[in-house]
PDB file of N, CA and C in Angstrom:
ATOM      1  N   UNK A   1     -14.378  22.576 -32.399  1.00  0.00           N
ATOM      2  CA  UNK A   1     -13.970  22.232 -31.024  1.00  0.00           C
ATOM      3  C   UNK A   1     -14.572  20.895 -30.759  1.00  0.00           C
ATOM      4  N   UNK A   2     -13.769  19.972 -30.163  1.00  0.00           N
ATOM      5  CA  UNK A   2     -14.304  18.652 -29.914  1.00  0.00           C
ATOM      6  C   UNK A   2     -15.317  18.699 -28.663  1.00  0.00           C
ATOM      7  N   UNK A   3     -16.128  17.808 -28.528  1.00  0.00           N
ATOM      8  CA  UNK A   3     -17.174  17.627 -27.490  1.00  0.00           C
ATOM      9  C   UNK A   3     -16.334  17.647 -26.224  1.00  0.00           C
ATOM     10  N   UNK A   4     -15.212  16.844 -26.215  1.00  0.00           N
ATOM     11  CA  UNK A   4     -14.381  16.747 -24.882  1.00  0.00           C
ATOM     12  C   UNK A   4     -13.990  18.118 -24.488  1.00  0.00           C
ATOM     13  N   UNK A   5     -13.350  18.965 -25.386  1.00  0.00           N
ATOM     14  CA  UNK A   5     -12.857  20.247 -25.008  1.00  0.00           C
ATOM     15  C   UNK A   5     -14.011  21.244 -24.639  1.00  0.00           C
ATOM     16  N   UNK A   6     -15.205  20.999 -25.267  1.00  0.00           N
ATOM     17  CA  UNK A   6     -16.572  21.751 -24.791  1.00  0.00           C
ATOM     18  C   UNK A   6     -16.701  21.413 -23.382  1.00  0.00           C
ATOM     19  N   UNK A   7     -16.643  20.194 -23.060  1.00  0.00           N
ATOM     20  CA  UNK A   7     -17.060  19.640 -21.671  1.00  0.00           C
ATOM     21  C   UNK A   7     -15.962  20.168 -20.812  1.00  0.00           C
ATOM     22  N   UNK A   8     -14.619  20.419 -21.123  1.00  0.00           N
ATOM     23  CA  UNK A   8     -13.630  20.754 -20.305  1.00  0.00           C
ATOM     24  C   UNK A   8     -13.761  22.316 -20.006  1.00  0.00           C
ATOM     25  N   UNK A   9     -14.342  23.082 -21.055  1.00  0.00           N
ATOM     26  CA  UNK A   9     -14.599  24.462 -20.941  1.00  0.00           C
ATOM     27  C   UNK A   9     -15.691  24.703 -19.856  1.00  0.00           C
ATOM     28  N   UNK A  10     -16.742  23.982 -19.925  1.00  0.00           N
ATOM     29  CA  UNK A  10     -17.891  24.043 -18.991  1.00  0.00           C
ATOM     30  C   UNK A  10     -17.327  23.588 -17.550  1.00  0.00           C
ATOM     31  N   UNK A  11     -16.539  22.700 -17.478  1.00  0.00           N
ATOM     32  CA  UNK A  11     -15.988  22.361 -16.164  1.00  0.00           C
ATOM     33  C   UNK A  11     -15.171  23.528 -15.508  1.00  0.00           C
ATOM     34  N   UNK A  12     -14.246  24.048 -16.445  1.00  0.00           N
ATOM     35  CA  UNK A  12     -13.391  25.215 -15.648  1.00  0.00           C
ATOM     36  C   UNK A  12     -14.217  26.356 -15.469  1.00  0.00           C
ATOM     37  N   UNK A  13     -15.260  26.651 -16.369  1.00  0.00           N
ATOM     38  CA  UNK A  13     -16.155  27.820 -16.168  1.00  0.00           C
ATOM     39  C   UNK A  13     -16.863  27.588 -14.727  1.00  0.00           C
ATOM     40  N   UNK A  14     -17.322  26.379 -14.430  1.00  0.00           N
ATOM     41  CA  UNK A  14     -18.112  25.949 -13.233  1.00  0.00           C
ATOM     42  C   UNK A  14     -17.168  26.017 -11.922  1.00  0.00           C
ATOM     43  N   UNK A  15     -15.772  25.635 -12.109  1.00  0.00           N
ATOM     44  CA  UNK A  15     -14.947  25.699 -11.043  1.00  0.00           C
ATOM     45  C   UNK A  15     -14.389  27.132 -10.766  1.00  0.00           C
ATOM     46  N   UNK A  16     -14.557  28.003 -11.650  1.00  0.00           N
ATOM     47  CA  UNK A  16     -14.016  29.385 -11.462  1.00  0.00           C
ATOM     48  C   UNK A  16     -14.694  30.112 -10.485  1.00  0.00           C
ATOM     49  N   UNK A  17     -15.881  29.808 -10.077  1.00  0.00           N
ATOM     50  CA  UNK A  17     -16.673  30.655  -9.166  1.00  0.00           C
ATOM     51  C   UNK A  17     -16.454  30.140  -7.701  1.00  0.00           C
ATOM     52  N   UNK A  18     -16.276  30.947  -6.677  1.00  0.00           N
ATOM     53  CA  UNK A  18     -16.008  30.458  -5.375  1.00  0.00           C
ATOM     54  C   UNK A  18     -17.332  29.827  -4.645  1.00  0.00           C
ATOM     55  N   UNK A  19     -18.473  30.459  -5.034  1.00  0.00           N
ATOM     56  CA  UNK A  19     -19.767  29.894  -4.640  1.00  0.00           C
ATOM     57  C   UNK A  19     -19.931  28.494  -4.983  1.00  0.00           C
ATOM     58  N   UNK A  20     -19.658  28.073  -6.254  1.00  0.00           N
ATOM     59  CA  UNK A  20     -19.843  26.798  -6.911  1.00  0.00           C
ATOM     60  C   UNK A  20     -18.842  25.926  -6.216  1.00  0.00           C
ATOM     61  N   UNK A  21     -17.570  26.406  -6.013  1.00  0.00           N
ATOM     62  CA  UNK A  21     -16.703  25.462  -5.431  1.00  0.00           C
ATOM     63  C   UNK A  21     -17.084  25.125  -3.924  1.00  0.00           C
ATOM     64  N   UNK A  22     -17.789  26.156  -3.265  1.00  0.00           N
ATOM     65  CA  UNK A  22     -18.137  25.892  -1.911  1.00  0.00           C
ATOM     66  C   UNK A  22     -19.365  24.822  -1.954  1.00  0.00           C
ATOM     67  N   UNK A  23     -20.045  24.976  -2.799  1.00  0.00           N
ATOM     68  CA  UNK A  23     -21.244  23.997  -3.161  1.00  0.00           C
ATOM     69  C   UNK A  23     -20.683  22.645  -3.196  1.00  0.00           C
ATOM     70  N   UNK A  24     -19.600  22.459  -4.034  1.00  0.00           N
ATOM     71  CA  UNK A  24     -19.063  21.231  -4.155  1.00  0.00           C
ATOM     72  C   UNK A  24     -18.301  20.622  -2.985  1.00  0.00           C
ATOM     73  N   UNK A  25     -17.817  21.572  -2.093  1.00  0.00           N
ATOM     74  CA  UNK A  25     -17.265  21.168  -0.883  1.00  0.00           C
ATOM     75  C   UNK A  25     -18.390  20.631  -0.040  1.00  0.00           C
ATOM     76  N   UNK A  26     -19.486  21.300   0.158  1.00  0.00           N
ATOM     77  CA  UNK A  26     -20.637  20.809   0.840  1.00  0.00           C
ATOM     78  C   UNK A  26     -21.233  19.474   0.395  1.00  0.00           C
ATOM     79  N   UNK A  27     -21.244  19.234  -0.869  1.00  0.00           N
ATOM     80  CA  UNK A  27     -21.762  17.966  -1.446  1.00  0.00           C
ATOM     81  C   UNK A  27     -20.823  16.718  -1.083  1.00  0.00           C
ATOM     82  N   UNK A  28     -19.539  17.105  -0.793  1.00  0.00           N
ATOM     83  CA  UNK A  28     -18.554  15.989  -0.362  1.00  0.00           C
ATOM     84  C   UNK A  28     -19.083  15.320   0.803  1.00  0.00           C
ATOM     85  N   UNK A  29     -19.981  16.012   1.721  1.00  0.00           N
ATOM     86  CA  UNK A  29     -20.309  15.483   2.991  1.00  0.00           C
ATOM     87  C   UNK A  29     -21.669  14.664   2.788  1.00  0.00           C
ATOM     88  N   UNK A  30     -22.328  14.869   1.531  1.00  0.00           N
ATOM     89  CA  UNK A  30     -23.506  14.002   1.328  1.00  0.00           C
ATOM     90  C   UNK A  30     -24.500  14.831   0.425  1.00  0.00           C
ATOM     91  N   UNK A  31     -25.601  14.153  -0.024  1.00  0.00           N
ATOM     92  CA  UNK A  31     -26.614  14.693  -0.881  1.00  0.00           C
ATOM     93  C   UNK A  31     -27.347  15.755  -0.179  1.00  0.00           C
ATOM     94  N   UNK A  32     -27.764  16.874  -1.005  1.00  0.00           N
ATOM     95  CA  UNK A  32     -28.360  17.842  -0.260  1.00  0.00           C
ATOM     96  C   UNK A  32     -29.517  18.329  -1.298  1.00  0.00           C
ATOM     97  N   UNK A  33     -30.604  18.950  -0.690  1.00  0.00           N
ATOM     98  CA  UNK A  33     -31.623  19.608  -1.668  1.00  0.00           C
ATOM     99  C   UNK A  33     -31.084  20.988  -2.012  1.00  0.00           C
ATOM    100  N   UNK A  34     -31.757  21.651  -2.898  1.00  0.00           N
ATOM    101  CA  UNK A  34     -31.386  23.108  -3.322  1.00  0.00           C
ATOM    102  C   UNK A  34     -31.718  23.992  -2.014  1.00  0.00           C
ATOM    103  N   UNK A  35     -32.766  23.657  -1.381  1.00  0.00           N
ATOM    104  CA  UNK A  35     -33.118  24.493  -0.154  1.00  0.00           C
ATOM    105  C   UNK A  35     -32.193  24.340   0.968  1.00  0.00           C
ATOM    106  N   UNK A  36     -31.619  23.201   1.171  1.00  0.00           N
ATOM    107  CA  UNK A  36     -30.632  22.998   2.137  1.00  0.00           C
ATOM    108  C   UNK A  36     -29.220  23.826   1.628  1.00  0.00           C
ATOM    109  N   UNK A  37     -28.915  23.711   0.450  1.00  0.00           N
ATOM    110  CA  UNK A  37     -27.761  24.388  -0.048  1.00  0.00           C
ATOM    111  C   UNK A  37     -28.000  25.966   0.029  1.00  0.00           C
ATOM    112  N   UNK A  38     -29.133  26.427  -0.387  1.00  0.00           N
ATOM    113  CA  UNK A  38     -29.438  27.903  -0.296  1.00  0.00           C
ATOM    114  C   UNK A  38     -29.441  28.446   1.127  1.00  0.00           C
ATOM    115  N   UNK A  39     -29.772  27.661   2.084  1.00  0.00           N
ATOM    116  CA  UNK A  39     -29.927  28.100   3.595  1.00  0.00           C
ATOM    117  C   UNK A  39     -28.397  28.401   4.062  1.00  0.00           C
ATOM    118  N   UNK A  40     -27.447  27.925   3.343  1.00  0.00           N
ATOM    119  CA  UNK A  40     -26.024  28.205   3.700  1.00  0.00           C
ATOM    120  C   UNK A  40     -25.370  29.300   3.168  1.00  0.00           C
ATOM    121  N   UNK A  41     -26.247  30.011   2.352  1.00  0.00           N
ATOM    122  CA  UNK A  41     -25.689  31.185   1.424  1.00  0.00           C
ATOM    123  C   UNK A  41     -26.700  32.314   1.901  1.00  0.00           C
ATOM    124  N   UNK A  42     -25.985  33.510   1.742  1.00  0.00           N
ATOM    125  CA  UNK A  42     -26.728  34.809   1.695  1.00  0.00           C
ATOM    126  C   UNK A  42     -27.010  35.260   0.300  1.00  0.00           C
ATOM    127  N   UNK A  43     -27.809  34.452  -0.406  1.00  0.00           N
ATOM    128  CA  UNK A  43     -28.215  34.859  -1.696  1.00  0.00           C
ATOM    129  C   UNK A  43     -29.562  34.177  -2.054  1.00  0.00           C
ATOM    130  N   UNK A  44     -30.166  34.684  -3.149  1.00  0.00           N
ATOM    131  CA  UNK A  44     -31.478  34.158  -3.457  1.00  0.00           C
ATOM    132  C   UNK A  44     -31.554  32.704  -3.957  1.00  0.00           C
ATOM    133  N   UNK A  45     -32.560  31.975  -3.808  1.00  0.00           N
ATOM    134  CA  UNK A  45     -32.711  30.720  -4.298  1.00  0.00           C
ATOM    135  C   UNK A  45     -32.538  30.701  -5.727  1.00  0.00           C
ATOM    136  N   UNK A  46     -33.053  31.740  -6.576  1.00  0.00           N
ATOM    137  CA  UNK A  46     -32.759  31.594  -8.027  1.00  0.00           C
ATOM    138  C   UNK A  46     -31.288  31.753  -8.361  1.00  0.00           C
ATOM    139  N   UNK A  47     -30.528  32.420  -7.585  1.00  0.00           N
ATOM    140  CA  UNK A  47     -29.054  32.395  -7.739  1.00  0.00           C
ATOM    141  C   UNK A  47     -28.415  31.053  -7.496  1.00  0.00           C
ATOM    142  N   UNK A  48     -28.865  30.507  -6.335  1.00  0.00           N
ATOM    143  CA  UNK A  48     -28.244  28.964  -5.999  1.00  0.00           C
ATOM    144  C   UNK A  48     -28.628  28.060  -7.200  1.00  0.00           C
ATOM    145  N   UNK A  49     -29.883  28.285  -7.747  1.00  0.00           N
ATOM    146  CA  UNK A  49     -30.412  27.470  -8.810  1.00  0.00           C
ATOM    147  C   UNK A  49     -29.521  27.662 -10.123  1.00  0.00           C
ATOM    148  N   UNK A  50     -29.119  28.899 -10.294  1.00  0.00           N
ATOM    149  CA  UNK A  50     -28.258  29.118 -11.496  1.00  0.00           C
ATOM    150  C   UNK A  50     -26.870  28.445 -11.288  1.00  0.00           C
ATOM    151  N   UNK A  51     -26.298  28.527 -10.037  1.00  0.00           N
ATOM    152  CA  UNK A  51     -24.969  27.910  -9.837  1.00  0.00           C
ATOM    153  C   UNK A  51     -25.216  26.373  -9.967  1.00  0.00           C
ATOM    154  N   UNK A  52     -26.313  25.774  -9.455  1.00  0.00           N
ATOM    155  CA  UNK A  52     -26.456  24.340  -9.603  1.00  0.00           C
ATOM    156  C   UNK A  52     -26.679  23.837 -11.025  1.00  0.00           C
ATOM    157  N   UNK A  53     -27.312  24.745 -11.787  1.00  0.00           N
ATOM    158  CA  UNK A  53     -27.347  24.419 -13.253  1.00  0.00           C
ATOM    159  C   UNK A  53     -25.944  24.367 -13.943  1.00  0.00           C
ATOM    160  N   UNK A  54     -25.147  25.495 -13.626  1.00  0.00           N
ATOM    161  CA  UNK A  54     -23.788  25.407 -14.237  1.00  0.00           C
ATOM    162  C   UNK A  54     -22.930  24.116 -13.790  1.00  0.00           C
ATOM    163  N   UNK A  55     -23.179  23.722 -12.536  1.00  0.00           N
ATOM    164  CA  UNK A  55     -22.555  22.527 -12.001  1.00  0.00           C
ATOM    165  C   UNK A  55     -22.921  21.338 -12.663  1.00  0.00           C
ATOM    166  N   UNK A  56     -24.277  21.189 -12.938  1.00  0.00           N
ATOM    167  CA  UNK A  56     -24.823  20.145 -13.755  1.00  0.00           C
ATOM    168  C   UNK A  56     -24.483  20.037 -15.052  1.00  0.00           C
ATOM    169  N   UNK A  57     -24.279  21.316 -15.720  1.00  0.00           N
ATOM    170  CA  UNK A  57     -23.881  21.298 -17.195  1.00  0.00           C
ATOM    171  C   UNK A  57     -22.490  20.962 -17.245  1.00  0.00           C
ATOM    172  N   UNK A  58     -21.629  21.008 -16.186  1.00  0.00           N
ATOM    173  CA  UNK A  58     -20.194  20.524 -16.149  1.00  0.00           C
ATOM    174  C   UNK A  58     -20.167  19.134 -15.696  1.00  0.00           C
ATOM    175  N   UNK A  59     -21.251  18.473 -15.445  1.00  0.00           N
ATOM    176  CA  UNK A  59     -21.312  17.079 -14.848  1.00  0.00           C
ATOM    177  C   UNK A  59     -20.704  17.045 -13.489  1.00  0.00           C
ATOM    178  N   UNK A  60     -20.438  17.974 -12.776  1.00  0.00           N
ATOM    179  CA  UNK A  60     -19.923  17.926 -11.472  1.00  0.00           C
ATOM    180  C   UNK A  60     -20.904  17.518 -10.440  1.00  0.00           C
ATOM    181  N   UNK A  61     -22.125  17.778 -10.807  1.00  0.00           N
ATOM    182  CA  UNK A  61     -23.191  17.339  -9.861  1.00  0.00           C
ATOM    183  C   UNK A  61     -24.232  16.717 -10.555  1.00  0.00           C
ATOM    184  N   UNK A  62     -24.936  15.746  -9.984  1.00  0.00           N
ATOM    185  CA  UNK A  62     -26.099  15.117 -10.700  1.00  0.00           C
ATOM    186  C   UNK A  62     -27.297  15.438  -9.688  1.00  0.00           C
ATOM    187  N   UNK A  63     -28.535  15.327 -10.201  1.00  0.00           N
ATOM    188  CA  UNK A  63     -29.673  15.487  -9.460  1.00  0.00           C
ATOM    189  C   UNK A  63     -30.578  14.234  -9.567  1.00  0.00           C
ATOM    190  N   UNK A  64     -31.224  13.989  -8.267  1.00  0.00           N
ATOM    191  CA  UNK A  64     -32.192  12.843  -8.334  1.00  0.00           C
ATOM    192  C   UNK A  64     -33.450  13.307  -7.631  1.00  0.00           C
ATOM    193  N   UNK A  65     -34.430  13.033  -8.170  1.00  0.00           N
ATOM    194  CA  UNK A  65     -35.749  13.519  -7.685  1.00  0.00           C
ATOM    195  C   UNK A  65     -36.239  12.253  -6.715  1.00  0.00           C
ATOM    196  N   UNK A  66     -36.596  12.729  -5.458  1.00  0.00           N
ATOM    197  CA  UNK A  66     -37.147  11.838  -4.399  1.00  0.00           C
ATOM    198  C   UNK A  66     -38.280  12.528  -3.848  1.00  0.00           C
ATOM    199  N   UNK A  67     -39.490  12.042  -4.407  1.00  0.00           N
ATOM    200  CA  UNK A  67     -40.769  12.622  -4.092  1.00  0.00           C
ATOM    201  C   UNK A  67     -40.883  14.091  -4.630  1.00  0.00           C
ATOM    202  N   UNK A  68     -41.245  15.043  -3.766  1.00  0.00           N
ATOM    203  CA  UNK A  68     -41.196  16.449  -4.149  1.00  0.00           C
ATOM    204  C   UNK A  68     -39.773  17.069  -4.175  1.00  0.00           C
ATOM    205  N   UNK A  69     -38.922  16.409  -3.798  1.00  0.00           N
ATOM    206  CA  UNK A  69     -37.597  17.062  -3.474  1.00  0.00           C
ATOM    207  C   UNK A  69     -36.522  16.665  -4.584  1.00  0.00           C
ATOM    208  N   UNK A  70     -35.746  17.397  -4.957  1.00  0.00           N
ATOM    209  CA  UNK A  70     -34.519  17.164  -5.851  1.00  0.00           C
ATOM    210  C   UNK A  70     -33.391  17.122  -5.016  1.00  0.00           C
ATOM    211  N   UNK A  71     -32.519  16.039  -5.011  1.00  0.00           N
ATOM    212  CA  UNK A  71     -31.289  15.932  -4.319  1.00  0.00           C
ATOM    213  C   UNK A  71     -30.159  16.054  -5.206  1.00  0.00           C
ATOM    214  N   UNK A  72     -29.179  16.858  -4.764  1.00  0.00           N
ATOM    215  CA  UNK A  72     -27.959  17.051  -5.586  1.00  0.00           C
ATOM    216  C   UNK A  72     -26.761  16.231  -4.831  1.00  0.00           C
ATOM    217  N   UNK A  73     -26.016  15.743  -5.745  1.00  0.00           N
ATOM    218  CA  UNK A  73     -24.828  14.898  -5.252  1.00  0.00           C
ATOM    219  C   UNK A  73     -23.707  15.053  -6.048  1.00  0.00           C
ATOM    220  N   UNK A  74     -22.515  14.929  -5.623  1.00  0.00           N
ATOM    221  CA  UNK A  74     -21.284  15.208  -6.245  1.00  0.00           C
ATOM    222  C   UNK A  74     -21.029  14.054  -7.387  1.00  0.00           C
ATOM    223  N   UNK A  75     -20.590  14.195  -8.441  1.00  0.00           N
ATOM    224  CA  UNK A  75     -20.253  13.292  -9.489  1.00  0.00           C
ATOM    225  C   UNK A  75     -18.756  13.220  -9.492  1.00  0.00           C
ATOM    226  N   UNK A  76     -18.260  12.196  -8.869  1.00  0.00           N
ATOM    227  CA  UNK A  76     -16.835  12.058  -8.654  1.00  0.00           C
ATOM    228  C   UNK A  76     -16.092  11.518  -9.883  1.00  0.00           C
ATOM    229  N   UNK A  77     -16.772  10.908 -10.895  1.00  0.00           N
ATOM    230  CA  UNK A  77     -16.159  10.394 -11.998  1.00  0.00           C
ATOM    231  C   UNK A  77     -15.603  11.534 -12.930  1.00  0.00           C
ATOM    232  N   UNK A  78     -16.245  12.714 -12.814  1.00  0.00           N
ATOM    233  CA  UNK A  78     -15.648  13.956 -13.719  1.00  0.00           C
ATOM    234  C   UNK A  78     -14.345  14.432 -12.996  1.00  0.00           C
ATOM    235  N   UNK A  79     -14.290  14.278 -11.689  1.00  0.00           N
ATOM    236  CA  UNK A  79     -13.079  14.661 -10.970  1.00  0.00           C
ATOM    237  C   UNK A  79     -11.924  13.708 -11.477  1.00  0.00           C
ATOM    238  N   UNK A  80     -12.228  12.472 -11.628  1.00  0.00           N
ATOM    239  CA  UNK A  80     -11.251  11.498 -12.052  1.00  0.00           C
ATOM    240  C   UNK A  80     -10.807  12.000 -13.482  1.00  0.00           C
ATOM    241  N   UNK A  81     -11.609  12.378 -14.470  1.00  0.00           N
ATOM    242  CA  UNK A  81     -11.343  12.798 -15.746  1.00  0.00           C
ATOM    243  C   UNK A  81     -10.437  14.011 -15.746  1.00  0.00           C
ATOM    244  N   UNK A  82     -10.655  14.976 -14.774  1.00  0.00           N
ATOM    245  CA  UNK A  82      -9.838  16.104 -14.584  1.00  0.00           C
ATOM    246  C   UNK A  82      -8.435  15.606 -14.294  1.00  0.00           C
ATOM    247  N   UNK A  83      -8.252  14.749 -13.352  1.00  0.00           N
ATOM    248  CA  UNK A  83      -7.069  14.368 -12.816  1.00  0.00           C
ATOM    249  C   UNK A  83      -6.184  13.709 -14.001  1.00  0.00           C
ATOM    250  N   UNK A  84      -6.791  12.922 -14.745  1.00  0.00           N
ATOM    251  CA  UNK A  84      -6.204  12.111 -15.855  1.00  0.00           C
ATOM    252  C   UNK A  84      -5.869  13.276 -16.842  1.00  0.00           C
ATOM    253  N   UNK A  85      -6.597  14.220 -17.119  1.00  0.00           N
ATOM    254  CA  UNK A  85      -6.317  15.350 -18.113  1.00  0.00           C
ATOM    255  C   UNK A  85      -5.071  15.997 -17.669  1.00  0.00           C
ATOM    256  N   UNK A  86      -4.976  16.403 -16.380  1.00  0.00           N
ATOM    257  CA  UNK A  86      -3.803  17.088 -15.815  1.00  0.00           C
ATOM    258  C   UNK A  86      -2.553  16.385 -15.840  1.00  0.00           C
ATOM    259  N   UNK A  87      -2.767  15.057 -15.542  1.00  0.00           N
ATOM    260  CA  UNK A  87      -1.525  14.110 -15.543  1.00  0.00           C
ATOM    261  C   UNK A  87      -0.841  13.952 -16.873  1.00  0.00           C
ATOM    262  N   UNK A  88      -1.540  14.134 -18.071  1.00  0.00           N
ATOM    263  CA  UNK A  88      -0.802  14.075 -19.330  1.00  0.00           C
ATOM    264  C   UNK A  88       0.255  15.195 -19.495  1.00  0.00           C
ATOM    265  N   UNK A  89       0.181  16.208 -18.720  1.00  0.00           N
ATOM    266  CA  UNK A  89       1.014  17.335 -18.639  1.00  0.00           C
ATOM    267  C   UNK A  89       2.204  17.257 -17.704  1.00  0.00           C
ATOM    268  N   UNK A  90       2.092  16.042 -16.842  1.00  0.00           N
ATOM    269  CA  UNK A  90       3.084  15.900 -15.906  1.00  0.00           C
ATOM    270  C   UNK A  90       4.436  15.412 -16.290  1.00  0.00           C
ATOM    271  N   UNK A  91       5.450  16.104 -15.815  1.00  0.00           N
ATOM    272  CA  UNK A  91       6.902  15.666 -16.216  1.00  0.00           C
ATOM    273  C   UNK A  91       7.226  14.248 -15.828  1.00  0.00           C
ATOM    274  N   UNK A  92       6.708  13.811 -14.607  1.00  0.00           N
ATOM    275  CA  UNK A  92       7.030  12.429 -14.128  1.00  0.00           C
ATOM    276  C   UNK A  92       6.332  11.510 -14.984  1.00  0.00           C
ATOM    277  N   UNK A  93       5.162  11.802 -15.559  1.00  0.00           N
ATOM    278  CA  UNK A  93       4.475  10.892 -16.415  1.00  0.00           C
ATOM    279  C   UNK A  93       5.309  10.684 -17.686  1.00  0.00           C
ATOM    280  N   UNK A  94       5.859  11.699 -18.202  1.00  0.00           N
ATOM    281  CA  UNK A  94       6.704  11.467 -19.517  1.00  0.00           C
ATOM    282  C   UNK A  94       8.015  10.790 -19.249  1.00  0.00           C
ATOM    283  N   UNK A  95       8.542  10.765 -18.049  1.00  0.00           N
ATOM    284  CA  UNK A  95       9.758  10.221 -17.685  1.00  0.00           C
ATOM    285  C   UNK A  95       9.673   8.718 -17.684  1.00  0.00           C
ATOM    286  N   UNK A  96       8.468   8.199 -17.524  1.00  0.00           N
ATOM    287  CA  UNK A  96       8.268   6.710 -17.288  1.00  0.00           C
ATOM    288  C   UNK A  96       8.542   5.993 -18.722  1.00  0.00           C
TER     289      UNK A  96
END
């Protein structure tokens, strides 16, 4: 299987979970630490860390260390790739 398809599999796995989709929604508003994200959920910090790891593996989020904190932000370029991938199946694209 190509590296591209493996990446797409990771991407769809990450998007399959409602908690991870909610994290992405939160990150649309701006960068957040894992603690900030965890504070909005009724689950353990290790569980949030697991969700963030899967989002990072799918390249949907990136993390940047600032001092003692790690900030997570949305990686919009991957979303552009998803849209392009879906567009290849569009009927209107084939009609042009």
